Amino acid sequence: MKRVKKAVGYVCEVRIPGTDLTISKEDQRARILKHVQKENIDLVCIYEDDDPEVEVLDRPGIREVIDREEPFDFLLVERVWAISRKRQALEPLLRILDRRGVEVQASSYLWDCVSQQVRHRYAGNLAERARKLTRERAEAKRLRVVA
């Protein structure tokens, strides 16, 4: 039986440059909740911040994610932009999460550069795990045939 993945959510107002539009925390939260239900994910909690202009690692909600002692498999955002649109601002958080074995996943599949970079960051991990599982299954099958 497949293990249910544990996620910690994160939302922060997303301002659309050049407009007066904002993607609200409430809208992001609703999309995250819909996604976890569809994907059978155990959403432990959702942290939030109000000001996207604060440096990523200085945000109280991000600090809570980083300081969380209970294990979780991934940080779930509605879109990577909730953290940052800039790879350079995002990278320190990604490195911290990498050391914990935590990936960032987005419930919305966007094609902007930073969203693609985050997906590609973990695509190698997924591919390597799939190859490892295939090798393990083949070895187990070979051992059953030999025995």
Foldseek 3Di string as FASTA:
>chain_A
DDDAFEEEEEAEWFQDPPDRDICDRVNFVVLVVVLCVVVVHHHPYYFYFYDQVPQLCPTPRLVCVLPDPDDGAEYETQAPCRRNPDCVSCVVSQVSCVVSNYAYDHSDQDDRDVSVVSVVVCVVVVVVVVVVVVVVVVVVVVVVVVD
